[in-house]
Each structure stands twice: as structure tokens, then as C-alpha cells.
Amino acid sequence: MSEWITVCKLDDIHAQTGVCALVNDEPVAIFRPYDDDRLYAISNIDPFFHASVLSRGIIAEHQNELWVASPLKKQRFRLKDGYCLEDSNYSIKSYPVRAENGAVQIQIN
């Protein structure tokens, strides 16, 4: 059974940035690319280095998709699904995320 867990206020995430939240013992990177309610959530773990750093990456557009570049070696992960552009074997988990009454919520199973 899935449920939505509130992790922070929407105002805690500035446009063009990400934050990290610990959700059920998993580090999740939550991104707000624009100054509106659109949010994306992927694992915060860079699978190339096993480091919890993706929330500090740079959000960029490539091939009409939004990506985050790891702050370590700049591998890119698509925000909508965690797909790794450089090597699909290193794709990461994505999470359903929403803004509800000013709160950011992640759906867990």
C-alpha cells in the first residue's frame, strides 16, 4: 500500500535548486526547476561513486528533457525517471512527488 509523506515546505526549495530528504531511510533528491509547483524526485545517490550528492547537482535541459548533472563527474540523470544519459546501467530510482497545500510530498510503497 502506498502513502504520501510530507518532507518539507514548497518554499524551502528555491527555483533551479534541489534538496535532500531522508524518506524511509533512503536519501531522495527533490528538484524544483521552475518557480512553480513542478517537482521531481530521484535517488540522491550518485551510482558511480556511491555518494549522496545529486541534490547539489546542476539542473540543465538536454534533448528537451530536464536533467541533473552530478557535482562529482557530471554524469547526467533525467529528472522524470532517473535515466543515466552516459550509461543506462547506472540509472537510478525516481519517486512520485507533488506539492499539496504548500507542502512537498513523496509517495512511498
PDB file of N, CA and C in Angstrom:
ATOM      1  N   MET A   1       0.846  -1.177   0.000  1.00  0.00           N
ATOM      2  CA  MET A   1       0.000   0.000   0.000  1.00  0.00           C
ATOM      3  C   MET A   1       0.893   1.243   0.000  1.00  0.00           C
ATOM      4  N   SER A   2       0.556   2.193  -0.816  1.00  0.00           N
ATOM      5  CA  SER A   2       1.376   3.402  -0.895  1.00  0.00           C
ATOM      6  C   SER A   2       0.755   4.534  -0.089  1.00  0.00           C
ATOM      7  N   GLU A   3       1.629   5.460   0.315  1.00  0.00           N
ATOM      8  CA  GLU A   3       1.170   6.634   1.053  1.00  0.00           C
ATOM      9  C   GLU A   3       2.069   7.812   0.700  1.00  0.00           C
ATOM     10  N   TRP A   4       1.554   9.021   0.942  1.00  0.00           N
ATOM     11  CA  TRP A   4       2.306  10.243   0.695  1.00  0.00           C
ATOM     12  C   TRP A   4       2.887  10.727   2.012  1.00  0.00           C
ATOM     13  N   ILE A   5       4.194  11.031   2.008  1.00  0.00           N
ATOM     14  CA  ILE A   5       4.883  11.524   3.200  1.00  0.00           C
ATOM     15  C   ILE A   5       5.342  12.955   2.947  1.00  0.00           C
ATOM     16  N   THR A   6       4.994  13.860   3.847  1.00  0.00           N
ATOM     17  CA  THR A   6       5.432  15.252   3.742  1.00  0.00           C
ATOM     18  C   THR A   6       6.890  15.340   4.174  1.00  0.00           C
ATOM     19  N   VAL A   7       7.716  15.995   3.325  1.00  0.00           N
ATOM     20  CA  VAL A   7       9.145  16.084   3.632  1.00  0.00           C
ATOM     21  C   VAL A   7       9.622  17.510   3.904  1.00  0.00           C
ATOM     22  N   CYS A   8       8.942  18.510   3.352  1.00  0.00           N
ATOM     23  CA  CYS A   8       9.325  19.897   3.602  1.00  0.00           C
ATOM     24  C   CYS A   8       8.244  20.815   3.036  1.00  0.00           C
ATOM     25  N   LYS A   9       8.438  22.120   3.211  1.00  0.00           N
ATOM     26  CA  LYS A   9       7.549  23.101   2.605  1.00  0.00           C
ATOM     27  C   LYS A   9       8.024  23.383   1.178  1.00  0.00           C
ATOM     28  N   LEU A  10       7.110  23.675   0.293  1.00  0.00           N
ATOM     29  CA  LEU A  10       7.479  24.023  -1.082  1.00  0.00           C
ATOM     30  C   LEU A  10       8.412  25.228  -1.090  1.00  0.00           C
ATOM     31  N   ASP A  11       8.171  26.192  -0.204  1.00  0.00           N
ATOM     32  CA  ASP A  11       9.009  27.391  -0.137  1.00  0.00           C
ATOM     33  C   ASP A  11      10.439  27.102   0.328  1.00  0.00           C
ATOM     34  N   ASP A  12      10.680  25.907   0.880  1.00  0.00           N
ATOM     35  CA  ASP A  12      12.035  25.529   1.292  1.00  0.00           C
ATOM     36  C   ASP A  12      12.929  25.199   0.096  1.00  0.00           C
ATOM     37  N   ILE A  13      12.320  24.987  -1.074  1.00  0.00           N
ATOM     38  CA  ILE A  13      13.089  24.650  -2.272  1.00  0.00           C
ATOM     39  C   ILE A  13      12.996  25.820  -3.241  1.00  0.00           C
ATOM     40  N   HIS A  14      14.092  26.519  -3.437  1.00  0.00           N
ATOM     41  CA  HIS A  14      14.123  27.646  -4.368  1.00  0.00           C
ATOM     42  C   HIS A  14      14.182  27.132  -5.798  1.00  0.00           C
ATOM     43  N   ALA A  15      13.668  27.917  -6.731  1.00  0.00           N
ATOM     44  CA  ALA A  15      13.714  27.546  -8.148  1.00  0.00           C
ATOM     45  C   ALA A  15      15.150  27.282  -8.580  1.00  0.00           C
ATOM     46  N   GLN A  16      15.321  26.310  -9.453  1.00  0.00           N
ATOM     47  CA  GLN A  16      16.614  25.894 -10.001  1.00  0.00           C
ATOM     48  C   GLN A  16      17.534  25.240  -8.975  1.00  0.00           C
ATOM     49  N   THR A  17      16.950  24.698  -7.895  1.00  0.00           N
ATOM     50  CA  THR A  17      17.768  24.016  -6.897  1.00  0.00           C
ATOM     51  C   THR A  17      17.142  22.692  -6.499  1.00  0.00           C
ATOM     52  N   GLY A  18      17.893  21.938  -5.723  1.00  0.00           N
ATOM     53  CA  GLY A  18      17.411  20.689  -5.171  1.00  0.00           C
ATOM     54  C   GLY A  18      17.707  20.622  -3.686  1.00  0.00           C
ATOM     55  N   VAL A  19      17.011  19.743  -3.011  1.00  0.00           N
ATOM     56  CA  VAL A  19      17.256  19.468  -1.595  1.00  0.00           C
ATOM     57  C   VAL A  19      17.275  17.958  -1.415  1.00  0.00           C
ATOM     58  N   CYS A  20      17.837  17.529  -0.310  1.00  0.00           N
ATOM     59  CA  CYS A  20      17.860  16.105   0.013  1.00  0.00           C
ATOM     60  C   CYS A  20      16.945  15.854   1.203  1.00  0.00           C
ATOM     61  N   ALA A  21      16.205  14.770   1.143  1.00  0.00           N
ATOM     62  CA  ALA A  21      15.351  14.359   2.260  1.00  0.00           C
ATOM     63  C   ALA A  21      15.567  12.869   2.494  1.00  0.00           C
ATOM     64  N   LEU A  22      15.541  12.469   3.733  1.00  0.00           N
ATOM     65  CA  LEU A  22      15.631  11.057   4.071  1.00  0.00           C
ATOM     66  C   LEU A  22      14.208  10.522   4.178  1.00  0.00           C
ATOM     67  N   VAL A  23      13.846   9.644   3.250  1.00  0.00           N
ATOM     68  CA  VAL A  23      12.487   9.101   3.175  1.00  0.00           C
ATOM     69  C   VAL A  23      12.577   7.591   3.334  1.00  0.00           C
ATOM     70  N   ASN A  24      12.055   7.092   4.449  1.00  0.00           N
ATOM     71  CA  ASN A  24      12.154   5.655   4.752  1.00  0.00           C
ATOM     72  C   ASN A  24      13.587   5.160   4.636  1.00  0.00           C
ATOM     73  N   ASP A  25      14.509   5.884   5.203  1.00  0.00           N
ATOM     74  CA  ASP A  25      15.939   5.558   5.218  1.00  0.00           C
ATOM     75  C   ASP A  25      16.603   5.616   3.845  1.00  0.00           C
ATOM     76  N   GLU A  26      15.950   6.231   2.868  1.00  0.00           N
ATOM     77  CA  GLU A  26      16.545   6.402   1.545  1.00  0.00           C
ATOM     78  C   GLU A  26      16.753   7.889   1.279  1.00  0.00           C
ATOM     79  N   PRO A  27      17.963   8.296   0.883  1.00  0.00           N
ATOM     80  CA  PRO A  27      18.193   9.702   0.539  1.00  0.00           C
ATOM     81  C   PRO A  27      17.584  10.023  -0.826  1.00  0.00           C
ATOM     82  N   VAL A  28      16.668  10.974  -0.831  1.00  0.00           N
ATOM     83  CA  VAL A  28      15.946  11.353  -2.039  1.00  0.00           C
ATOM     84  C   VAL A  28      16.284  12.803  -2.380  1.00  0.00           C
ATOM     85  N   ALA A  29      16.631  13.039  -3.643  1.00  0.00           N
ATOM     86  CA  ALA A  29      16.892  14.399  -4.134  1.00  0.00           C
ATOM     87  C   ALA A  29      15.601  14.926  -4.746  1.00  0.00           C
ATOM     88  N   ILE A  30      15.157  16.092  -4.287  1.00  0.00           N
ATOM     89  CA  ILE A  30      13.931  16.713  -4.777  1.00  0.00           C
ATOM     90  C   ILE A  30      14.327  18.011  -5.470  1.00  0.00           C
ATOM     91  N   PHE A  31      13.874  18.162  -6.710  1.00  0.00           N
ATOM     92  CA  PHE A  31      14.252  19.320  -7.518  1.00  0.00           C
ATOM     93  C   PHE A  31      13.039  20.155  -7.879  1.00  0.00           C
ATOM     94  N   ARG A  32      13.261  21.461  -7.916  1.00  0.00           N
ATOM     95  CA  ARG A  32      12.240  22.429  -8.327  1.00  0.00           C
ATOM     96  C   ARG A  32      12.872  23.291  -9.431  1.00  0.00           C
ATOM     97  N   PRO A  33      12.763  22.848 -10.689  1.00  0.00           N
ATOM     98  CA  PRO A  33      13.444  23.558 -11.774  1.00  0.00           C
ATOM     99  C   PRO A  33      12.892  24.946 -12.066  1.00  0.00           C
ATOM    100  N   TYR A  34      11.622  25.168 -11.776  1.00  0.00           N
ATOM    101  CA  TYR A  34      10.983  26.445 -12.102  1.00  0.00           C
ATOM    102  C   TYR A  34      10.354  27.035 -10.845  1.00  0.00           C
ATOM    103  N   ASP A  35       9.933  28.272 -10.935  1.00  0.00           N
ATOM    104  CA  ASP A  35       9.306  28.946  -9.796  1.00  0.00           C
ATOM    105  C   ASP A  35       7.806  28.656  -9.800  1.00  0.00           C
ATOM    106  N   ASP A  36       7.469  27.380  -9.747  1.00  0.00           N
ATOM    107  CA  ASP A  36       6.073  26.960  -9.675  1.00  0.00           C
ATOM    108  C   ASP A  36       6.020  25.649  -8.886  1.00  0.00           C
ATOM    109  N   ASP A  37       4.950  24.889  -9.042  1.00  0.00           N
ATOM    110  CA  ASP A  37       4.771  23.674  -8.250  1.00  0.00           C
ATOM    111  C   ASP A  37       5.354  22.418  -8.889  1.00  0.00           C
ATOM    112  N   ARG A  38       6.026  22.528 -10.045  1.00  0.00           N
ATOM    113  CA  ARG A  38       6.581  21.332 -10.697  1.00  0.00           C
ATOM    114  C   ARG A  38       7.800  20.831  -9.917  1.00  0.00           C
ATOM    115  N   LEU A  39       7.736  19.567  -9.540  1.00  0.00           N
ATOM    116  CA  LEU A  39       8.783  18.945  -8.743  1.00  0.00           C
ATOM    117  C   LEU A  39       9.195  17.608  -9.357  1.00  0.00           C
ATOM    118  N   TYR A  40      10.424  17.210  -9.067  1.00  0.00           N
ATOM    119  CA  TYR A  40      10.938  15.918  -9.498  1.00  0.00           C
ATOM    120  C   TYR A  40      11.694  15.315  -8.328  1.00  0.00           C
ATOM    121  N   ALA A  41      11.659  13.984  -8.215  1.00  0.00           N
ATOM    122  CA  ALA A  41      12.368  13.323  -7.129  1.00  0.00           C
ATOM    123  C   ALA A  41      13.057  12.062  -7.653  1.00  0.00           C
ATOM    124  N   ILE A  42      14.350  11.978  -7.380  1.00  0.00           N
ATOM    125  CA  ILE A  42      15.159  10.821  -7.747  1.00  0.00           C
ATOM    126  C   ILE A  42      16.047  10.461  -6.556  1.00  0.00           C
ATOM    127  N   SER A  43      16.679   9.315  -6.639  1.00  0.00           N
ATOM    128  CA  SER A  43      17.637   8.947  -5.603  1.00  0.00           C
ATOM    129  C   SER A  43      18.714  10.019  -5.510  1.00  0.00           C
ATOM    130  N   ASN A  44      19.185  10.281  -4.316  1.00  0.00           N
ATOM    131  CA  ASN A  44      20.253  11.262  -4.134  1.00  0.00           C
ATOM    132  C   ASN A  44      21.639  10.629  -4.280  1.00  0.00           C
ATOM    133  N   ILE A  45      21.696   9.318  -4.458  1.00  0.00           N
ATOM    134  CA  ILE A  45      22.965   8.607  -4.527  1.00  0.00           C
ATOM    135  C   ILE A  45      23.509   8.590  -5.951  1.00  0.00           C
ATOM    136  N   ASP A  46      24.705   9.137  -6.133  1.00  0.00           N
ATOM    137  CA  ASP A  46      25.408   9.049  -7.409  1.00  0.00           C
ATOM    138  C   ASP A  46      25.911   7.605  -7.513  1.00  0.00           C
ATOM    139  N   PRO A  47      25.377   6.816  -8.458  1.00  0.00           N
ATOM    140  CA  PRO A  47      25.731   5.394  -8.514  1.00  0.00           C
ATOM    141  C   PRO A  47      27.165   5.133  -8.976  1.00  0.00           C
ATOM    142  N   PHE A  48      27.817   6.112  -9.565  1.00  0.00           N
ATOM    143  CA  PHE A  48      29.200   5.943  -9.990  1.00  0.00           C
ATOM    144  C   PHE A  48      30.167   6.000  -8.805  1.00  0.00           C
ATOM    145  N   PHE A  49      29.810   6.778  -7.764  1.00  0.00           N
ATOM    146  CA  PHE A  49      30.700   6.984  -6.633  1.00  0.00           C
ATOM    147  C   PHE A  49      30.069   6.607  -5.292  1.00  0.00           C
ATOM    148  N   HIS A  50      28.804   6.178  -5.320  1.00  0.00           N
ATOM    149  CA  HIS A  50      28.086   5.780  -4.097  1.00  0.00           C
ATOM    150  C   HIS A  50      28.099   6.902  -3.060  1.00  0.00           C
ATOM    151  N   ALA A  51      27.921   8.126  -3.551  1.00  0.00           N
ATOM    152  CA  ALA A  51      27.915   9.301  -2.679  1.00  0.00           C
ATOM    153  C   ALA A  51      26.555   9.989  -2.761  1.00  0.00           C
ATOM    154  N   SER A  52      26.090  10.496  -1.651  1.00  0.00           N
ATOM    155  CA  SER A  52      24.789  11.163  -1.562  1.00  0.00           C
ATOM    156  C   SER A  52      24.954  12.641  -1.922  1.00  0.00           C
ATOM    157  N   VAL A  53      24.975  12.947  -3.247  1.00  0.00           N
ATOM    158  CA  VAL A  53      25.326  14.295  -3.699  1.00  0.00           C
ATOM    159  C   VAL A  53      24.430  14.875  -4.802  1.00  0.00           C
ATOM    160  N   LEU A  54      23.551  14.093  -5.391  1.00  0.00           N
ATOM    161  CA  LEU A  54      22.842  14.576  -6.585  1.00  0.00           C
ATOM    162  C   LEU A  54      21.978  15.802  -6.331  1.00  0.00           C
ATOM    163  N   SER A  55      21.491  15.987  -5.117  1.00  0.00           N
ATOM    164  CA  SER A  55      20.674  17.171  -4.827  1.00  0.00           C
ATOM    165  C   SER A  55      21.468  18.459  -4.990  1.00  0.00           C
ATOM    166  N   ARG A  56      22.794  18.365  -5.014  1.00  0.00           N
ATOM    167  CA  ARG A  56      23.658  19.528  -5.192  1.00  0.00           C
ATOM    168  C   ARG A  56      24.119  19.691  -6.639  1.00  0.00           C
ATOM    169  N   GLY A  57      23.552  18.877  -7.533  1.00  0.00           N
ATOM    170  CA  GLY A  57      23.938  18.942  -8.935  1.00  0.00           C
ATOM    171  C   GLY A  57      23.313  20.124  -9.659  1.00  0.00           C
ATOM    172  N   ILE A  58      23.717  20.290 -10.898  1.00  0.00           N
ATOM    173  CA  ILE A  58      23.241  21.390 -11.732  1.00  0.00           C
ATOM    174  C   ILE A  58      22.084  20.898 -12.601  1.00  0.00           C
ATOM    175  N   ILE A  59      20.962  21.610 -12.545  1.00  0.00           N
ATOM    176  CA  ILE A  59      19.808  21.286 -13.382  1.00  0.00           C
ATOM    177  C   ILE A  59      20.037  21.896 -14.759  1.00  0.00           C
ATOM    178  N   ALA A  60      19.837  21.074 -15.797  1.00  0.00           N
ATOM    179  CA  ALA A  60      20.048  21.556 -17.163  1.00  0.00           C
ATOM    180  C   ALA A  60      19.032  20.897 -18.096  1.00  0.00           C
ATOM    181  N   GLU A  61      18.848  21.516 -19.249  1.00  0.00           N
ATOM    182  CA  GLU A  61      17.979  20.943 -20.264  1.00  0.00           C
ATOM    183  C   GLU A  61      18.840  20.360 -21.371  1.00  0.00           C
ATOM    184  N   HIS A  62      18.495  19.140 -21.801  1.00  0.00           N
ATOM    185  CA  HIS A  62      19.209  18.454 -22.885  1.00  0.00           C
ATOM    186  C   HIS A  62      18.199  17.600 -23.621  1.00  0.00           C
ATOM    187  N   GLN A  63      18.160  17.711 -24.937  1.00  0.00           N
ATOM    188  CA  GLN A  63      17.213  16.967 -25.761  1.00  0.00           C
ATOM    189  C   GLN A  63      15.772  17.169 -25.281  1.00  0.00           C
ATOM    190  N   ASN A  64      15.442  18.414 -24.947  1.00  0.00           N
ATOM    191  CA  ASN A  64      14.106  18.811 -24.480  1.00  0.00           C
ATOM    192  C   ASN A  64      13.657  18.089 -23.212  1.00  0.00           C
ATOM    193  N   GLU A  65      14.606  17.637 -22.408  1.00  0.00           N
ATOM    194  CA  GLU A  65      14.320  16.984 -21.133  1.00  0.00           C
ATOM    195  C   GLU A  65      15.127  17.689 -20.043  1.00  0.00           C
ATOM    196  N   LEU A  66      14.647  17.596 -18.806  1.00  0.00           N
ATOM    197  CA  LEU A  66      15.387  18.150 -17.668  1.00  0.00           C
ATOM    198  C   LEU A  66      16.268  17.065 -17.052  1.00  0.00           C
ATOM    199  N   TRP A  67      17.498  17.442 -16.758  1.00  0.00           N
ATOM    200  CA  TRP A  67      18.495  16.531 -16.212  1.00  0.00           C
ATOM    201  C   TRP A  67      19.177  17.205 -15.028  1.00  0.00           C
ATOM    202  N   VAL A  68      19.808  16.397 -14.182  1.00  0.00           N
ATOM    203  CA  VAL A  68      20.713  16.938 -13.177  1.00  0.00           C
ATOM    204  C   VAL A  68      22.080  16.327 -13.445  1.00  0.00           C
ATOM    205  N   ALA A  69      23.098  17.170 -13.447  1.00  0.00           N
ATOM    206  CA  ALA A  69      24.475  16.710 -13.611  1.00  0.00           C
ATOM    207  C   ALA A  69      25.086  16.523 -12.233  1.00  0.00           C
ATOM    208  N   SER A  70      25.628  15.355 -11.999  1.00  0.00           N
ATOM    209  CA  SER A  70      26.264  15.084 -10.710  1.00  0.00           C
ATOM    210  C   SER A  70      27.382  16.091 -10.455  1.00  0.00           C
ATOM    211  N   PRO A  71      27.497  16.575  -9.219  1.00  0.00           N
ATOM    212  CA  PRO A  71      28.578  17.510  -8.919  1.00  0.00           C
ATOM    213  C   PRO A  71      29.955  16.841  -8.916  1.00  0.00           C
ATOM    214  N   LEU A  72      30.009  15.516  -8.996  1.00  0.00           N
ATOM    215  CA  LEU A  72      31.298  14.836  -8.957  1.00  0.00           C
ATOM    216  C   LEU A  72      31.947  14.751 -10.340  1.00  0.00           C
ATOM    217  N   LYS A  73      31.377  13.977 -11.241  1.00  0.00           N
ATOM    218  CA  LYS A  73      31.967  13.813 -12.577  1.00  0.00           C
ATOM    219  C   LYS A  73      31.008  14.217 -13.697  1.00  0.00           C
ATOM    220  N   LYS A  74      29.900  14.853 -13.335  1.00  0.00           N
ATOM    221  CA  LYS A  74      28.953  15.456 -14.289  1.00  0.00           C
ATOM    222  C   LYS A  74      28.120  14.455 -15.099  1.00  0.00           C
ATOM    223  N   GLN A  75      28.019  13.189 -14.672  1.00  0.00           N
ATOM    224  CA  GLN A  75      27.091  12.292 -15.342  1.00  0.00           C
ATOM    225  C   GLN A  75      25.689  12.855 -15.158  1.00  0.00           C
ATOM    226  N   ARG A  76      24.866  12.719 -16.196  1.00  0.00           N
ATOM    227  CA  ARG A  76      23.532  13.323 -16.174  1.00  0.00           C
ATOM    228  C   ARG A  76      22.444  12.281 -15.936  1.00  0.00           C
ATOM    229  N   PHE A  77      21.491  12.660 -15.074  1.00  0.00           N
ATOM    230  CA  PHE A  77      20.360  11.811 -14.735  1.00  0.00           C
ATOM    231  C   PHE A  77      19.079  12.575 -15.062  1.00  0.00           C
ATOM    232  N   ARG A  78      18.193  11.935 -15.834  1.00  0.00           N
ATOM    233  CA  ARG A  78      16.939  12.586 -16.229  1.00  0.00           C
ATOM    234  C   ARG A  78      16.034  12.694 -15.017  1.00  0.00           C
ATOM    235  N   LEU A  79      15.504  13.889 -14.789  1.00  0.00           N
ATOM    236  CA  LEU A  79      14.708  14.136 -13.590  1.00  0.00           C
ATOM    237  C   LEU A  79      13.393  13.365 -13.574  1.00  0.00           C
ATOM    238  N   LYS A  80      12.788  13.137 -14.722  1.00  0.00           N
ATOM    239  CA  LYS A  80      11.470  12.482 -14.711  1.00  0.00           C
ATOM    240  C   LYS A  80      11.522  10.994 -14.363  1.00  0.00           C
ATOM    241  N   ASP A  81      12.696  10.336 -14.581  1.00  0.00           N
ATOM    242  CA  ASP A  81      12.729   8.894 -14.338  1.00  0.00           C
ATOM    243  C   ASP A  81      14.068   8.338 -13.863  1.00  0.00           C
ATOM    244  N   GLY A  82      15.093   9.189 -13.690  1.00  0.00           N
ATOM    245  CA  GLY A  82      16.379   8.727 -13.187  1.00  0.00           C
ATOM    246  C   GLY A  82      17.290   8.078 -14.211  1.00  0.00           C
ATOM    247  N   TYR A  83      16.914   8.108 -15.481  1.00  0.00           N
ATOM    248  CA  TYR A  83      17.721   7.508 -16.537  1.00  0.00           C
ATOM    249  C   TYR A  83      19.080   8.203 -16.634  1.00  0.00           C
ATOM    250  N   CYS A  84      20.151   7.409 -16.725  1.00  0.00           N
ATOM    251  CA  CYS A  84      21.501   7.965 -16.836  1.00  0.00           C
ATOM    252  C   CYS A  84      21.882   8.066 -18.313  1.00  0.00           C
ATOM    253  N   LEU A  85      22.159   9.276 -18.766  1.00  0.00           N
ATOM    254  CA  LEU A  85      22.479   9.530 -20.168  1.00  0.00           C
ATOM    255  C   LEU A  85      23.785   8.850 -20.584  1.00  0.00           C
ATOM    256  N   GLU A  86      24.778   8.877 -19.730  1.00  0.00           N
ATOM    257  CA  GLU A  86      26.088   8.335 -20.101  1.00  0.00           C
ATOM    258  C   GLU A  86      26.137   6.808 -20.095  1.00  0.00           C
ATOM    259  N   ASP A  87      25.361   6.169 -19.214  1.00  0.00           N
ATOM    260  CA  ASP A  87      25.369   4.707 -19.123  1.00  0.00           C
ATOM    261  C   ASP A  87      24.069   4.260 -18.452  1.00  0.00           C
ATOM    262  N   SER A  88      23.148   3.726 -19.245  1.00  0.00           N
ATOM    263  CA  SER A  88      21.826   3.363 -18.712  1.00  0.00           C
ATOM    264  C   SER A  88      21.905   2.304 -17.612  1.00  0.00           C
ATOM    265  N   ASN A  89      23.021   1.571 -17.526  1.00  0.00           N
ATOM    266  CA  ASN A  89      23.191   0.600 -16.438  1.00  0.00           C
ATOM    267  C   ASN A  89      23.284   1.277 -15.077  1.00  0.00           C
ATOM    268  N   TYR A  90      23.538   2.580 -15.067  1.00  0.00           N
ATOM    269  CA  TYR A  90      23.651   3.349 -13.828  1.00  0.00           C
ATOM    270  C   TYR A  90      22.426   4.223 -13.569  1.00  0.00           C
ATOM    271  N   SER A  91      21.329   3.943 -14.241  1.00  0.00           N
ATOM    272  CA  SER A  91      20.094   4.693 -13.993  1.00  0.00           C
ATOM    273  C   SER A  91      19.670   4.499 -12.543  1.00  0.00           C
ATOM    274  N   ILE A  92      18.962   5.486 -12.001  1.00  0.00           N
ATOM    275  CA  ILE A  92      18.589   5.461 -10.589  1.00  0.00           C
ATOM    276  C   ILE A  92      17.077   5.523 -10.416  1.00  0.00           C
ATOM    277  N   LYS A  93      16.653   5.285  -9.218  1.00  0.00           N
ATOM    278  CA  LYS A  93      15.230   5.267  -8.886  1.00  0.00           C
ATOM    279  C   LYS A  93      14.638   6.681  -8.913  1.00  0.00           C
ATOM    280  N   SER A  94      13.402   6.767  -9.391  1.00  0.00           N
ATOM    281  CA  SER A  94      12.650   8.026  -9.309  1.00  0.00           C
ATOM    282  C   SER A  94      11.448   7.795  -8.394  1.00  0.00           C
ATOM    283  N   TYR A  95      10.898   8.883  -7.886  1.00  0.00           N
ATOM    284  CA  TYR A  95       9.804   8.809  -6.927  1.00  0.00           C
ATOM    285  C   TYR A  95       8.673   9.733  -7.353  1.00  0.00           C
ATOM    286  N   PRO A  96       7.422   9.308  -7.151  1.00  0.00           N
ATOM    287  CA  PRO A  96       6.316  10.249  -7.338  1.00  0.00           C
ATOM    288  C   PRO A  96       6.423  11.356  -6.297  1.00  0.00           C
ATOM    289  N   VAL A  97       6.242  12.599  -6.735  1.00  0.00           N
ATOM    290  CA  VAL A  97       6.365  13.749  -5.841  1.00  0.00           C
ATOM    291  C   VAL A  97       5.299  14.761  -6.218  1.00  0.00           C
ATOM    292  N   ARG A  98       4.816  15.510  -5.233  1.00  0.00           N
ATOM    293  CA  ARG A  98       3.803  16.532  -5.505  1.00  0.00           C
ATOM    294  C   ARG A  98       3.898  17.647  -4.474  1.00  0.00           C
ATOM    295  N   ALA A  99       3.310  18.777  -4.852  1.00  0.00           N
ATOM    296  CA  ALA A  99       3.121  19.883  -3.917  1.00  0.00           C
ATOM    297  C   ALA A  99       1.641  19.887  -3.554  1.00  0.00           C
ATOM    298  N   GLU A 100       1.373  19.827  -2.265  1.00  0.00           N
ATOM    299  CA  GLU A 100      -0.011  19.750  -1.773  1.00  0.00           C
ATOM    300  C   GLU A 100      -0.165  20.736  -0.634  1.00  0.00           C
ATOM    301  N   ASN A 101      -0.979  21.791  -0.842  1.00  0.00           N
ATOM    302  CA  ASN A 101      -1.204  22.808   0.177  1.00  0.00           C
ATOM    303  C   ASN A 101       0.103  23.396   0.718  1.00  0.00           C
ATOM    304  N   GLY A 102       1.047  23.654  -0.182  1.00  0.00           N
ATOM    305  CA  GLY A 102       2.305  24.265   0.220  1.00  0.00           C
ATOM    306  C   GLY A 102       3.333  23.315   0.788  1.00  0.00           C
ATOM    307  N   ALA A 103       3.012  22.016   0.788  1.00  0.00           N
ATOM    308  CA  ALA A 103       3.939  21.004   1.308  1.00  0.00           C
ATOM    309  C   ALA A 103       4.433  20.106   0.173  1.00  0.00           C
ATOM    310  N   VAL A 104       5.675  19.658   0.279  1.00  0.00           N
ATOM    311  CA  VAL A 104       6.239  18.717  -0.688  1.00  0.00           C
ATOM    312  C   VAL A 104       6.046  17.318  -0.137  1.00  0.00           C
ATOM    313  N   GLN A 105       5.469  16.446  -0.953  1.00  0.00           N
ATOM    314  CA  GLN A 105       5.197  15.091  -0.511  1.00  0.00           C
ATOM    315  C   GLN A 105       5.785  14.085  -1.497  1.00  0.00           C
ATOM    316  N   ILE A 106       6.340  13.002  -0.945  1.00  0.00           N
ATOM    317  CA  ILE A 106       6.892  11.893  -1.712  1.00  0.00           C
ATOM    318  C   ILE A 106       6.005  10.689  -1.470  1.00  0.00           C
ATOM    319  N   GLN A 107       5.723   9.952  -2.551  1.00  0.00           N
ATOM    320  CA  GLN A 107       4.904   8.743  -2.409  1.00  0.00           C
ATOM    321  C   GLN A 107       5.830   7.554  -2.201  1.00  0.00           C
ATOM    322  N   ILE A 108       5.524   6.763  -1.179  1.00  0.00           N
ATOM    323  CA  ILE A 108       6.285   5.550  -0.907  1.00  0.00           C
ATOM    324  C   ILE A 108       5.347   4.354  -0.988  1.00  0.00           C
ATOM    325  N   ASN A 109       5.935   3.213  -1.252  1.00  0.00           N
ATOM    326  CA  ASN A 109       5.137   1.970  -1.339  1.00  0.00           C
ATOM    327  C   ASN A 109       5.246   1.177  -0.072  1.00  0.00           C
TER     328      ASN A 109
END
